[in-house]
C-alpha atoms as a PDB file:
ATOM      1  CA  ALA A   1     -14.603  16.048 -11.740  1.00  0.00           C
ATOM      2  CA  ALA A   2     -17.603  16.171  -9.456  1.00  0.00           C
ATOM      3  CA  GLY A   3     -19.790  13.118  -9.738  1.00  0.00           C
ATOM      4  CA  GLN A   4     -17.032  10.939 -11.171  1.00  0.00           C
ATOM      5  CA  ALA A   5     -16.071   8.011  -8.967  1.00  0.00           C
ATOM      6  CA  ALA A   6     -12.509   6.740  -9.109  1.00  0.00           C
ATOM      7  CA  LYS A   7     -12.402   3.523 -11.106  1.00  0.00           C
ATOM      8  CA  ASP A   8     -11.080   0.184  -9.897  1.00  0.00           C
ATOM      9  CA  TRP A   9      -7.723  -0.708 -11.397  1.00  0.00           C
ATOM     10  CA  GLU A  10      -5.340  -3.658 -11.422  1.00  0.00           C
ATOM     11  CA  TYR A  11      -2.103  -2.552  -9.748  1.00  0.00           C
ATOM     12  CA  THR A  12      -0.312  -5.866 -10.219  1.00  0.00           C
ATOM     13  CA  PRO A  13      -1.504  -9.021 -12.012  1.00  0.00           C
ATOM     14  CA  GLY A  14      -4.581 -10.385 -10.253  1.00  0.00           C
ATOM     15  CA  LEU A  15      -4.814  -7.667  -7.551  1.00  0.00           C
ATOM     16  CA  ARG A  16      -7.079  -4.623  -7.729  1.00  0.00           C
ATOM     17  CA  ALA A  17      -7.334  -1.267  -6.005  1.00  0.00           C
ATOM     18  CA  ARG A  18     -10.858   0.025  -5.420  1.00  0.00           C
ATOM     19  CA  PRO A  19     -10.510   3.760  -4.684  1.00  0.00           C
ATOM     20  CA  ALA A  20     -14.225   4.450  -4.335  1.00  0.00           C
ATOM     21  CA  ALA A  21     -14.450   1.802  -1.589  1.00  0.00           C
ATOM     22  CA  GLY A  22     -11.079   2.743  -0.071  1.00  0.00           C
ATOM     23  CA  THR A  23      -9.841  -0.852  -0.371  1.00  0.00           C
ATOM     24  CA  TYR A  24      -7.197  -2.842  -2.163  1.00  0.00           C
ATOM     25  CA  GLU A  25      -6.502  -6.550  -2.556  1.00  0.00           C
ATOM     26  CA  PHE A  26      -3.291  -7.984  -1.169  1.00  0.00           C
ATOM     27  CA  ARG A  27      -1.682 -11.411  -1.053  1.00  0.00           C
ATOM     28  CA  ASP A  28       1.146 -12.414   1.324  1.00  0.00           C
ATOM     29  CA  GLY A  29       2.519 -15.473  -0.408  1.00  0.00           C
ATOM     30  CA  ASP A  30       5.571 -16.125   1.768  1.00  0.00           C
ATOM     31  CA  GLY A  31       4.448 -14.856   5.180  1.00  0.00           C
ATOM     32  CA  LEU A  32       7.075 -12.108   5.424  1.00  0.00           C
ATOM     33  CA  VAL A  33       4.641  -9.193   5.660  1.00  0.00           C
ATOM     34  CA  PRO A  34       4.173  -9.443   9.457  1.00  0.00           C
ATOM     35  CA  LEU A  35       7.956  -9.308   9.872  1.00  0.00           C
ATOM     36  CA  LEU A  36       8.232  -6.300   7.577  1.00  0.00           C
ATOM     37  CA  LEU A  37       5.472  -4.507   9.503  1.00  0.00           C
ATOM     38  CA  ARG A  38       6.980  -5.235  12.930  1.00  0.00           C
ATOM     39  CA  PRO A  39       8.994  -1.967  13.192  1.00  0.00           C
ATOM     40  CA  LEU A  40       5.720  -0.021  13.069  1.00  0.00           C
ATOM     41  CA  GLY A  41       4.818  -1.401  16.502  1.00  0.00           C
ATOM     42  CA  ARG A  42       7.893   0.073  18.160  1.00  0.00           C
ATOM     43  CA  PRO A  43       7.710   3.430  19.962  1.00  0.00           C
ATOM     44  CA  GLY A  44       8.033   6.188  17.369  1.00  0.00           C
ATOM     45  CA  GLY A  45       7.916   3.585  14.601  1.00  0.00           C
ATOM     46  CA  CYS A  46       4.772   4.748  12.903  1.00  0.00           C
ATOM     47  CA  SER A  47       5.694   8.169  11.564  1.00  0.00           C
ATOM     48  CA  LEU A  48       4.217   8.788   8.126  1.00  0.00           C
ATOM     49  CA  ALA A  49       7.700   8.493   6.587  1.00  0.00           C
ATOM     50  CA  ALA A  50       8.296   5.103   8.255  1.00  0.00           C
ATOM     51  CA  VAL A  51       4.861   3.779   7.335  1.00  0.00           C
ATOM     52  CA  THR A  52       5.238   4.976   3.728  1.00  0.00           C
ATOM     53  CA  SER A  53       8.653   3.351   3.409  1.00  0.00           C
ATOM     54  CA  ILE A  54       7.439   0.031   4.811  1.00  0.00           C
ATOM     55  CA  ALA A  55       4.215   0.051   2.768  1.00  0.00           C
ATOM     56  CA  SER A  56       6.279   0.617  -0.381  1.00  0.00           C
ATOM     57  CA  GLU A  57       8.640  -2.195   0.588  1.00  0.00           C
ATOM     58  CA  VAL A  58       5.780  -4.616   1.276  1.00  0.00           C
ATOM     59  CA  LEU A  59       3.940  -3.784  -1.945  1.00  0.00           C
ATOM     60  CA  SER A  60       7.192  -3.947  -3.943  1.00  0.00           C
ATOM     61  CA  ARG A  61       7.372  -7.648  -3.113  1.00  0.00           C
ATOM     62  CA  LEU A  62       4.487  -8.115  -5.562  1.00  0.00           C
ATOM     63  CA  GLU A  63       5.518  -8.871  -9.130  1.00  0.00           C
ATOM     64  CA  GLY A  64       5.260  -5.775 -11.298  1.00  0.00           C
ATOM     65  CA  PHE A  65       4.716  -3.281  -8.471  1.00  0.00           C
ATOM     66  CA  GLU A  66       7.130  -0.389  -9.040  1.00  0.00           C
ATOM     67  CA  PRO A  67       6.440   2.637  -6.814  1.00  0.00           C
ATOM     68  CA  ARG A  68       9.698   4.323  -7.833  1.00  0.00           C
ATOM     69  CA  SER A  69       8.825   4.405 -11.535  1.00  0.00           C
ATOM     70  CA  VAL A  70       5.016   4.108 -11.796  1.00  0.00           C
ATOM     71  CA  GLN A  71       3.120   7.096 -10.423  1.00  0.00           C
ATOM     72  CA  GLU A  72      -0.069   5.089  -9.793  1.00  0.00           C
ATOM     73  CA  HIS A  73       1.916   2.568  -7.723  1.00  0.00           C
ATOM     74  CA  LYS A  74       3.566   5.364  -5.748  1.00  0.00           C
ATOM     75  CA  GLN A  75       0.133   6.857  -5.011  1.00  0.00           C
ATOM     76  CA  LEU A  76      -1.271   3.471  -3.950  1.00  0.00           C
ATOM     77  CA  ALA A  77       1.675   2.935  -1.574  1.00  0.00           C
ATOM     78  CA  SER A  78       1.010   6.378  -0.103  1.00  0.00           C
ATOM     79  CA  ASP A  79      -2.710   5.638   0.305  1.00  0.00           C
ATOM     80  CA  VAL A  80      -1.944   2.303   1.984  1.00  0.00           C
ATOM     81  CA  ALA A  81       0.552   4.024   4.302  1.00  0.00           C
ATOM     82  CA  ILE A  82      -2.054   6.567   5.386  1.00  0.00           C
ATOM     83  CA  MET A  83      -4.542   3.770   6.049  1.00  0.00           C
ATOM     84  CA  LEU A  84      -1.953   1.801   8.054  1.00  0.00           C
ATOM     85  CA  GLN A  85      -1.009   4.833  10.102  1.00  0.00           C
ATOM     86  CA  ARG A  86      -4.682   5.418  10.976  1.00  0.00           C
ATOM     87  CA  MET A  87      -4.973   1.781  12.113  1.00  0.00           C
ATOM     88  CA  LEU A  88      -1.928   2.096  14.352  1.00  0.00           C
END
């Protein structure tokens, strides 16, 4: 509704999404994220479908993050993909 700001929420233990600020917290514990993101730097590699797939894969490495079965997680992966695509 108008005037209602989206509330912060914990999408996996210890990590929060902040929709009103357009940010989310992320932790890369094993250093694999840069390798997973590498295909996005190739020519034609940053279509929305590719970015969405890779964002979901990266976020799925976090304990409890289930974009295939939790609608909020699926939406967060989509939001992150859109943000990544804008950055690229």
